[in-house]
């Protein structure tokens, strides 16, 4: 075989191998995408079910609120009617009009014993003043002097 034919055959073999490897990689990628699509589809269906469930609960809650509002209005109307009946003057058995605006029952007037107000006794503030004792003053001066000397020597060391 001649060299050009051998070269052509080698190039043809690499092209076939390249095509096969590209097809294999694309096939693997498609499998991965299909698996991902299936997972996302199942997640989507679960979310749709949850959405439908929440929508039903929302409708139930809205109906419950509406029913409770109607009950509240009914109770308010009943209370209003009862108050109006209690306030309207009614004729007594002897023919006189009884004023029912005053409460029928009232608490007795109870006088509470009033104790004398508590007098505040002046107290001195509890502040403890700490004075420097004579023993500590020389130590403080010595510490200040030593600190100043240390700072001065440090500055001298930095400048040189």
N, C-alpha and C. Protein backbone atom coordinates (compact mmCIF):
# COMPACT_ATOMS: atom_id res chain seq x y z
N UNK A 1 0.84 -1.17 0.00
CA UNK A 1 0.00 0.00 0.00
C UNK A 1 0.88 1.23 0.00
N UNK A 2 0.36 2.17 -0.63
CA UNK A 2 1.15 3.38 -0.73
C UNK A 2 0.90 4.28 0.48
N UNK A 3 1.79 5.18 0.64
CA UNK A 3 1.73 6.09 1.78
C UNK A 3 0.46 6.94 1.77
N UNK A 4 0.03 7.51 0.65
CA UNK A 4 -1.20 8.31 0.65
C UNK A 4 -2.43 7.48 1.01
N UNK A 5 -2.49 6.25 0.57
CA UNK A 5 -3.64 5.41 0.89
C UNK A 5 -3.65 5.09 2.38
N UNK A 6 -2.47 4.83 2.92
CA UNK A 6 -2.35 4.55 4.35
C UNK A 6 -2.74 5.78 5.18
N UNK A 7 -2.31 6.93 4.72
CA UNK A 7 -2.66 8.18 5.40
C UNK A 7 -4.17 8.41 5.34
N UNK A 8 -4.77 8.16 4.18
CA UNK A 8 -6.22 8.33 4.04
C UNK A 8 -6.97 7.37 4.95
N UNK A 9 -6.51 6.14 5.04
CA UNK A 9 -7.14 5.14 5.88
C UNK A 9 -7.02 5.52 7.37
N UNK A 10 -5.88 6.06 7.77
CA UNK A 10 -5.68 6.49 9.16
C UNK A 10 -6.60 7.66 9.49
N UNK A 11 -6.70 8.61 8.57
CA UNK A 11 -7.59 9.76 8.79
C UNK A 11 -9.05 9.33 8.83
N UNK A 12 -9.42 8.38 7.99
CA UNK A 12 -10.78 7.86 7.99
C UNK A 12 -11.08 7.15 9.31
N UNK A 13 -10.13 6.40 9.83
CA UNK A 13 -10.31 5.70 11.11
C UNK A 13 -10.48 6.69 12.27
N UNK A 14 -9.68 7.75 12.28
CA UNK A 14 -9.82 8.76 13.35
C UNK A 14 -11.15 9.48 13.24
N UNK A 15 -11.61 9.72 12.02
CA UNK A 15 -12.90 10.39 11.84
C UNK A 15 -14.02 9.51 12.37
N UNK A 16 -13.94 8.20 12.08
CA UNK A 16 -14.96 7.27 12.56
C UNK A 16 -14.92 7.20 14.09
N UNK A 17 -13.72 7.10 14.65
CA UNK A 17 -13.60 7.08 16.11
C UNK A 17 -14.11 8.38 16.73
N UNK A 18 -13.83 9.51 16.12
CA UNK A 18 -14.33 10.79 16.61
C UNK A 18 -15.85 10.84 16.57
N UNK A 19 -16.44 10.35 15.47
CA UNK A 19 -17.90 10.33 15.35
C UNK A 19 -18.51 9.44 16.43
N UNK A 20 -17.91 8.25 16.64
CA UNK A 20 -18.44 7.32 17.64
C UNK A 20 -18.32 7.91 19.04
N UNK A 21 -17.20 8.53 19.35
CA UNK A 21 -17.04 9.12 20.70
C UNK A 21 -17.99 10.29 20.90
N UNK A 22 -18.20 11.12 19.86
CA UNK A 22 -19.14 12.24 19.96
C UNK A 22 -20.56 11.72 20.18
N UNK A 23 -20.93 10.65 19.43
CA UNK A 23 -22.25 10.06 19.58
C UNK A 23 -22.42 9.50 21.00
N UNK A 24 -21.38 8.83 21.53
CA UNK A 24 -21.44 8.26 22.87
C UNK A 24 -21.60 9.37 23.92
N UNK A 25 -20.81 10.45 23.81
CA UNK A 25 -20.92 11.56 24.77
C UNK A 25 -22.30 12.22 24.71
N UNK A 26 -22.81 12.39 23.48
CA UNK A 26 -24.14 12.99 23.34
C UNK A 26 -25.20 12.09 23.94
N UNK A 27 -25.06 10.79 23.76
CA UNK A 27 -26.00 9.83 24.31
C UNK A 27 -25.99 9.89 25.84
N UNK A 28 -24.80 9.94 26.44
CA UNK A 28 -24.69 10.04 27.90
C UNK A 28 -25.30 11.34 28.42
N UNK A 29 -25.05 12.42 27.69
CA UNK A 29 -25.60 13.72 28.09
C UNK A 29 -27.12 13.70 28.01
N UNK A 30 -27.67 13.04 26.98
CA UNK A 30 -29.12 12.94 26.84
C UNK A 30 -29.73 12.13 27.98
N UNK A 31 -29.04 11.04 28.38
CA UNK A 31 -29.53 10.24 29.50
C UNK A 31 -29.58 11.08 30.77
N UNK A 32 -28.51 11.85 31.00
CA UNK A 32 -28.46 12.70 32.20
C UNK A 32 -29.56 13.75 32.15
N UNK A 33 -29.78 14.34 30.97
CA UNK A 33 -30.83 15.36 30.84
C UNK A 33 -32.22 14.75 31.03
N UNK A 34 -32.43 13.53 30.52
CA UNK A 34 -33.73 12.87 30.70
C UNK A 34 -33.98 12.56 32.17
N UNK A 35 -32.93 12.11 32.88
CA UNK A 35 -33.09 11.84 34.32
C UNK A 35 -33.41 13.14 35.07
N UNK A 36 -32.71 14.20 34.71
CA UNK A 36 -32.95 15.51 35.35
C UNK A 36 -34.37 15.99 35.03
N UNK A 37 -34.80 15.79 33.78
CA UNK A 37 -36.14 16.18 33.37
C UNK A 37 -37.19 15.39 34.14
N UNK A 38 -36.95 14.09 34.33
CA UNK A 38 -37.90 13.26 35.08
C UNK A 38 -37.97 13.72 36.54
N UNK A 39 -36.82 14.03 37.13
CA UNK A 39 -36.80 14.50 38.52
C UNK A 39 -37.53 15.84 38.65
N UNK A 40 -37.25 16.74 37.71
CA UNK A 40 -37.93 18.04 37.76
C UNK A 40 -39.43 17.90 37.52
N UNK A 41 -39.81 16.95 36.65
CA UNK A 41 -41.24 16.70 36.41
C UNK A 41 -41.93 16.20 37.67
N UNK A 42 -41.27 15.29 38.39
CA UNK A 42 -41.88 14.79 39.63
C UNK A 42 -41.96 15.90 40.68
N UNK A 43 -40.91 16.73 40.75
CA UNK A 43 -40.95 17.87 41.68
C UNK A 43 -42.08 18.82 41.32
N UNK A 44 -42.24 19.06 40.01
CA UNK A 44 -43.30 19.96 39.56
C UNK A 44 -44.67 19.40 39.89
N UNK A 45 -44.86 18.10 39.70
CA UNK A 45 -46.17 17.51 40.02
C UNK A 45 -46.45 17.59 41.52
N UNK A 46 -45.41 17.37 42.35
CA UNK A 46 -45.59 17.51 43.80
C UNK A 46 -45.96 18.94 44.17
N UNK A 47 -45.29 19.89 43.52
CA UNK A 47 -45.60 21.30 43.81
C UNK A 47 -47.01 21.67 43.35
N UNK A 48 -47.44 21.11 42.21
CA UNK A 48 -48.80 21.37 41.75
C UNK A 48 -49.83 20.80 42.72
N UNK A 49 -49.55 19.58 43.23
CA UNK A 49 -50.46 18.99 44.21
C UNK A 49 -50.52 19.84 45.47
N UNK A 50 -49.36 20.29 45.93
CA UNK A 50 -49.30 21.13 47.14
C UNK A 50 -50.03 22.45 46.91
N UNK A 51 -49.87 23.01 45.69
CA UNK A 51 -50.57 24.26 45.36
C UNK A 51 -52.08 24.06 45.38
N UNK A 52 -52.54 22.95 44.81
CA UNK A 52 -53.98 22.67 44.80
C UNK A 52 -54.49 22.49 46.23
N UNK A 53 -53.71 21.80 47.06
CA UNK A 53 -54.10 21.59 48.46
C UNK A 53 -54.18 22.93 49.20
N UNK A 54 -53.18 23.78 48.99
CA UNK A 54 -53.19 25.09 49.65
C UNK A 54 -54.33 25.96 49.14
N UNK A 55 -54.66 25.84 47.85
CA UNK A 55 -55.78 26.61 47.30
C UNK A 55 -57.08 26.16 47.95
N UNK A 56 -57.25 24.84 48.14
CA UNK A 56 -58.46 24.33 48.80
C UNK A 56 -58.53 24.84 50.24
N UNK A 57 -57.39 24.78 50.94
CA UNK A 57 -57.36 25.28 52.32
C UNK A 57 -57.68 26.76 52.37
N UNK A 58 -57.17 27.51 51.40
CA UNK A 58 -57.44 28.94 51.35
C UNK A 58 -58.93 29.21 51.14
N UNK A 59 -59.56 28.45 50.24
CA UNK A 59 -61.00 28.60 50.02
C UNK A 59 -61.79 28.26 51.28
N UNK A 60 -61.38 27.18 51.95
CA UNK A 60 -62.06 26.78 53.19
C UNK A 60 -61.91 27.87 54.24
N UNK A 61 -60.70 28.42 54.35
CA UNK A 61 -60.47 29.49 55.33
C UNK A 61 -61.29 30.73 54.98
N UNK A 62 -61.39 31.06 53.69
CA UNK A 62 -62.18 32.22 53.28
C UNK A 62 -63.65 32.01 53.62
N UNK A 63 -64.16 30.80 53.36
CA UNK A 63 -65.56 30.51 53.71
C UNK A 63 -65.77 30.55 55.22
N UNK A 64 -64.81 30.06 55.96
CA UNK A 64 -64.92 30.08 57.42
C UNK A 64 -64.95 31.51 57.93
N UNK A 65 -64.08 32.35 57.39
CA UNK A 65 -64.05 33.76 57.80
C UNK A 65 -65.38 34.42 57.46
N UNK A 66 -65.90 34.12 56.28
CA UNK A 66 -67.17 34.71 55.86
C UNK A 66 -68.30 34.26 56.79
N UNK A 67 -68.33 32.98 57.13
CA UNK A 67 -69.35 32.47 58.05
C UNK A 67 -69.22 33.10 59.43
N UNK A 68 -67.99 33.25 59.90
CA UNK A 68 -67.78 33.87 61.21
C UNK A 68 -68.21 35.34 61.20
N UNK A 69 -67.98 36.02 60.08
CA UNK A 69 -68.43 37.41 59.99
C UNK A 69 -69.95 37.49 60.03
N UNK A 70 -70.63 36.57 59.35
CA UNK A 70 -72.09 36.55 59.40
C UNK A 70 -72.58 36.27 60.82
N UNK A 71 -71.93 35.31 61.50
CA UNK A 71 -72.31 35.03 62.88
C UNK A 71 -72.08 36.25 63.78
N UNK A 72 -70.98 36.93 63.56
CA UNK A 72 -70.69 38.13 64.35
C UNK A 72 -71.75 39.20 64.12
N UNK A 73 -72.13 39.39 62.86
CA UNK A 73 -73.18 40.37 62.57
C UNK A 73 -74.50 39.97 63.23
N UNK A 74 -74.83 38.67 63.20
CA UNK A 74 -76.05 38.21 63.84
C UNK A 74 -76.01 38.47 65.34
N UNK A 75 -74.87 38.15 65.97
CA UNK A 75 -74.75 38.39 67.41
C UNK A 75 -74.80 39.88 67.75
N UNK A 76 -74.16 40.70 66.91
CA UNK A 76 -74.22 42.14 67.15
C UNK A 76 -75.66 42.65 67.03
N UNK A 77 -76.39 42.13 66.05
CA UNK A 77 -77.79 42.54 65.89
C UNK A 77 -78.62 42.11 67.10
N UNK A 78 -78.38 40.88 67.59
CA UNK A 78 -79.10 40.41 68.77
C UNK A 78 -78.77 41.27 69.99
N UNK A 79 -77.50 41.60 70.15
CA UNK A 79 -77.09 42.44 71.29
C UNK A 79 -77.73 43.82 71.17
N UNK A 80 -77.74 44.37 69.96
CA UNK A 80 -78.36 45.67 69.75
C UNK A 80 -79.85 45.62 70.09
N UNK A 81 -80.54 44.57 69.64
CA UNK A 81 -81.97 44.43 69.95
C UNK A 81 -82.20 44.31 71.45
N UNK A 82 -81.37 43.51 72.12
CA UNK A 82 -81.52 43.36 73.58
C UNK A 82 -81.25 44.67 74.30
N UNK A 83 -80.25 45.41 73.85
CA UNK A 83 -79.97 46.70 74.49
C UNK A 83 -81.15 47.66 74.28
N UNK A 84 -81.70 47.65 73.08
CA UNK A 84 -82.82 48.54 72.81
C UNK A 84 -84.02 48.16 73.68
N UNK A 85 -84.26 46.85 73.86
CA UNK A 85 -85.36 46.41 74.72
C UNK A 85 -85.14 46.82 76.16
N UNK A 86 -83.89 46.76 76.60
CA UNK A 86 -83.60 47.14 77.99
C UNK A 86 -83.73 48.64 78.20
N UNK A 87 -83.42 49.43 77.19
CA UNK A 87 -83.44 50.88 77.35
C UNK A 87 -84.85 51.45 77.20
N UNK A 88 -85.70 50.83 76.39
CA UNK A 88 -87.05 51.36 76.18
C UNK A 88 -87.81 51.40 77.50
N UNK A 89 -88.48 52.52 77.81
CA UNK A 89 -89.28 52.58 79.04
C UNK A 89 -90.51 51.68 78.91
N UNK A 90 -90.75 50.91 79.94
CA UNK A 90 -91.90 50.00 79.93
C UNK A 90 -92.87 50.45 81.02
N UNK A 91 -94.15 50.31 80.73
CA UNK A 91 -95.11 50.67 81.78
C UNK A 91 -95.08 49.63 82.89
N UNK A 92 -95.11 50.12 84.12
CA UNK A 92 -95.12 49.21 85.27
C UNK A 92 -96.52 48.65 85.45
N UNK A 93 -96.65 47.73 86.37
CA UNK A 93 -97.95 47.11 86.60
C UNK A 93 -98.96 48.12 87.14
N UNK A 94 -98.48 49.20 87.78
CA UNK A 94 -99.41 50.18 88.31
C UNK A 94 -99.68 51.30 87.32
N UNK A 95 -99.17 51.18 86.07
CA UNK A 95 -99.48 52.16 85.05
C UNK A 95 -98.42 53.23 84.89
N UNK A 96 -97.44 53.29 85.76
CA UNK A 96 -96.39 54.31 85.63
C UNK A 96 -95.28 53.77 84.72
N UNK A 97 -94.59 54.70 84.09
CA UNK A 97 -93.48 54.32 83.22
C UNK A 97 -92.23 54.16 84.08
N UNK A 98 -91.59 53.03 83.92
CA UNK A 98 -90.38 52.75 84.69
C UNK A 98 -89.17 53.11 83.82
N UNK A 99 -88.26 53.86 84.39
CA UNK A 99 -87.05 54.24 83.67
C UNK A 99 -86.03 53.12 83.80
N UNK A 100 -85.80 52.44 82.70
CA UNK A 100 -84.87 51.32 82.75
C UNK A 100 -83.49 51.70 82.25
N UNK A 101 -83.26 52.99 82.06
CA UNK A 101 -81.91 53.39 81.66
C UNK A 101 -80.95 53.24 82.82
N UNK A 102 -81.49 53.28 84.04
CA UNK A 102 -80.65 53.07 85.21
C UNK A 102 -80.42 51.57 85.34
N UNK A 103 -79.27 51.19 85.75
CA UNK A 103 -79.01 49.75 85.88
C UNK A 103 -79.88 49.14 86.97
N UNK A 104 -80.34 47.92 86.71
CA UNK A 104 -81.18 47.24 87.68
C UNK A 104 -80.38 46.85 88.91
N UNK A 105 -79.16 46.46 88.66
CA UNK A 105 -78.31 46.02 89.76
C UNK A 105 -77.11 46.94 89.83
N UNK A 106 -76.74 47.29 91.03
CA UNK A 106 -75.55 48.12 91.19
C UNK A 106 -74.77 47.61 92.39
N UNK A 107 -73.52 47.86 92.36
CA UNK A 107 -72.67 47.45 93.47
C UNK A 107 -72.88 48.39 94.64
N UNK A 108 -72.87 47.89 95.85
CA UNK A 108 -72.99 48.79 96.99
C UNK A 108 -71.77 49.69 97.08
N UNK A 109 -72.01 50.86 97.60
CA UNK A 109 -70.90 51.79 97.75
C UNK A 109 -70.02 51.31 98.89
N UNK A 110 -68.89 50.83 98.54
CA UNK A 110 -67.95 50.32 99.54
C UNK A 110 -66.88 51.38 99.75
N UNK A 111 -66.74 51.78 101.00
CA UNK A 111 -65.71 52.76 101.31
C UNK A 111 -64.46 51.99 101.71
N UNK A 112 -63.44 52.20 100.97
CA UNK A 112 -62.18 51.54 101.26
C UNK A 112 -61.42 52.34 102.29
N UNK A 113 -60.76 51.65 103.16
CA UNK A 113 -59.94 52.34 104.15
C UNK A 113 -58.72 52.90 103.45
N UNK A 114 -58.48 54.15 103.73
CA UNK A 114 -57.31 54.78 103.13
C UNK A 114 -56.21 54.84 104.17
N UNK A 115 -55.13 54.21 103.88
CA UNK A 115 -53.99 54.29 104.76
C UNK A 115 -53.30 55.63 104.53
N UNK A 116 -52.59 56.04 105.55
CA UNK A 116 -51.83 57.27 105.39
C UNK A 116 -50.73 57.02 104.36
N UNK A 117 -50.44 58.03 103.59
CA UNK A 117 -49.40 57.83 102.58
C UNK A 117 -48.06 57.52 103.25
N UNK A 118 -47.31 56.73 102.60
CA UNK A 118 -46.01 56.34 103.13
C UNK A 118 -45.07 57.52 102.98
N UNK A 119 -44.48 57.87 104.08
CA UNK A 119 -43.55 58.99 104.04
C UNK A 119 -42.18 58.46 103.64
N UNK A 120 -41.59 59.19 102.77
CA UNK A 120 -40.26 58.80 102.35
C UNK A 120 -39.26 59.35 103.34
N UNK A 121 -38.43 58.50 103.82
CA UNK A 121 -37.41 58.94 104.75
C UNK A 121 -36.15 59.27 103.96
N UNK A 122 -35.61 60.43 104.23
CA UNK A 122 -34.41 60.80 103.47
C UNK A 122 -33.26 59.86 103.81
N UNK A 123 -32.63 59.40 102.81
CA UNK A 123 -31.49 58.52 103.01
C UNK A 123 -30.29 59.12 102.30
N UNK A 124 -29.15 58.84 102.83
CA UNK A 124 -27.94 59.33 102.20
C UNK A 124 -27.58 58.38 101.06
N UNK A 125 -27.07 58.91 99.99
CA UNK A 125 -26.71 58.04 98.88
C UNK A 125 -25.58 57.10 99.29
N UNK A 126 -25.67 55.92 98.78
CA UNK A 126 -24.67 54.91 99.11
C UNK A 126 -23.53 54.98 98.10
N UNK A 127 -22.68 55.96 98.29
CA UNK A 127 -21.52 56.12 97.43
C UNK A 127 -20.29 55.95 98.29
N UNK A 128 -19.46 55.08 97.90
CA UNK A 128 -18.25 54.84 98.66
C UNK A 128 -17.12 55.58 97.96
N UNK A 129 -16.51 56.48 98.68
CA UNK A 129 -15.42 57.25 98.12
C UNK A 129 -14.12 56.56 98.51
N UNK A 130 -13.36 56.23 97.50
CA UNK A 130 -12.08 55.58 97.76
C UNK A 130 -11.00 56.65 97.63
N UNK A 131 -10.33 56.88 98.71
CA UNK A 131 -9.26 57.89 98.70
C UNK A 131 -7.93 57.17 98.56
N UNK A 132 -7.02 57.85 97.90
CA UNK A 132 -5.68 57.27 97.77
C UNK A 132 -5.02 57.26 99.13
N UNK A 133 -4.50 56.14 99.44
CA UNK A 133 -3.80 56.03 100.70
C UNK A 133 -2.37 56.52 100.49
N UNK A 134 -1.76 57.04 101.55
CA UNK A 134 -0.42 57.60 101.38
C UNK A 134 0.60 56.57 100.89
N UNK A 135 0.39 55.29 101.13
CA UNK A 135 1.35 54.28 100.70
C UNK A 135 1.35 54.13 99.18
N UNK A 136 0.21 54.37 98.53
CA UNK A 136 0.10 54.14 97.11
C UNK A 136 0.65 55.29 96.27
N UNK A 137 0.66 56.50 96.80
CA UNK A 137 1.09 57.66 96.01
C UNK A 137 2.51 57.53 95.50
N UNK A 138 3.51 57.16 96.33
CA UNK A 138 4.87 57.05 95.79
C UNK A 138 4.98 55.96 94.72
N UNK A 139 4.22 54.89 94.88
CA UNK A 139 4.27 53.82 93.88
C UNK A 139 3.74 54.33 92.55
N UNK A 140 2.64 55.12 92.60
CA UNK A 140 2.07 55.68 91.38
C UNK A 140 3.08 56.59 90.69
N UNK A 141 3.76 57.44 91.46
CA UNK A 141 4.75 58.34 90.87
C UNK A 141 5.89 57.56 90.25
N UNK A 142 6.32 56.50 90.94
CA UNK A 142 7.41 55.68 90.41
C UNK A 142 6.99 54.99 89.11
N UNK A 143 5.76 54.52 89.06
CA UNK A 143 5.28 53.87 87.84
C UNK A 143 5.21 54.85 86.67
N UNK A 144 4.76 56.06 86.94
CA UNK A 144 4.66 57.07 85.88
C UNK A 144 6.05 57.41 85.36
N UNK A 145 7.00 57.59 86.27
CA UNK A 145 8.36 57.91 85.85
C UNK A 145 8.95 56.76 85.03
N UNK A 146 8.74 55.53 85.46
CA UNK A 146 9.28 54.38 84.73
C UNK A 146 8.65 54.28 83.34
N UNK A 147 7.36 54.56 83.24
CA UNK A 147 6.68 54.53 81.96
C UNK A 147 7.24 55.59 81.02
N UNK A 148 7.45 56.80 81.56
CA UNK A 148 8.00 57.88 80.74
C UNK A 148 9.39 57.52 80.24
N UNK A 149 10.21 56.93 81.14
CA UNK A 149 11.55 56.54 80.73
C UNK A 149 11.49 55.48 79.63
N UNK A 150 10.57 54.53 79.76
CA UNK A 150 10.44 53.49 78.75
C UNK A 150 10.02 54.06 77.42
N UNK A 151 9.10 55.01 77.42
CA UNK A 151 8.64 55.63 76.18
C UNK A 151 9.77 56.41 75.55
N UNK A 152 10.55 57.14 76.38
CA UNK A 152 11.66 57.94 75.85
C UNK A 152 12.72 57.05 75.24
N UNK A 153 13.04 55.93 75.91
CA UNK A 153 14.07 55.04 75.36
C UNK A 153 13.57 54.37 74.09
N UNK A 154 12.28 54.10 74.03
CA UNK A 154 11.71 53.49 72.84
C UNK A 154 11.77 54.45 71.67
N UNK A 155 11.47 55.74 71.93
CA UNK A 155 11.54 56.75 70.87
C UNK A 155 12.97 56.93 70.40
N UNK A 156 13.91 56.90 71.36
CA UNK A 156 15.32 57.06 71.00
C UNK A 156 15.77 55.87 70.16
N UNK A 157 15.31 54.68 70.49
CA UNK A 157 15.68 53.48 69.73
C UNK A 157 15.11 53.51 68.33
N UNK A 158 13.94 54.08 68.15
CA UNK A 158 13.30 54.14 66.83
C UNK A 158 13.96 55.18 65.94
N UNK A 159 14.41 56.30 66.54
CA UNK A 159 14.98 57.37 65.73
C UNK A 159 16.39 57.03 65.26
N UNK A 160 17.10 56.18 66.00
CA UNK A 160 18.48 55.88 65.58
C UNK A 160 18.54 54.73 64.63
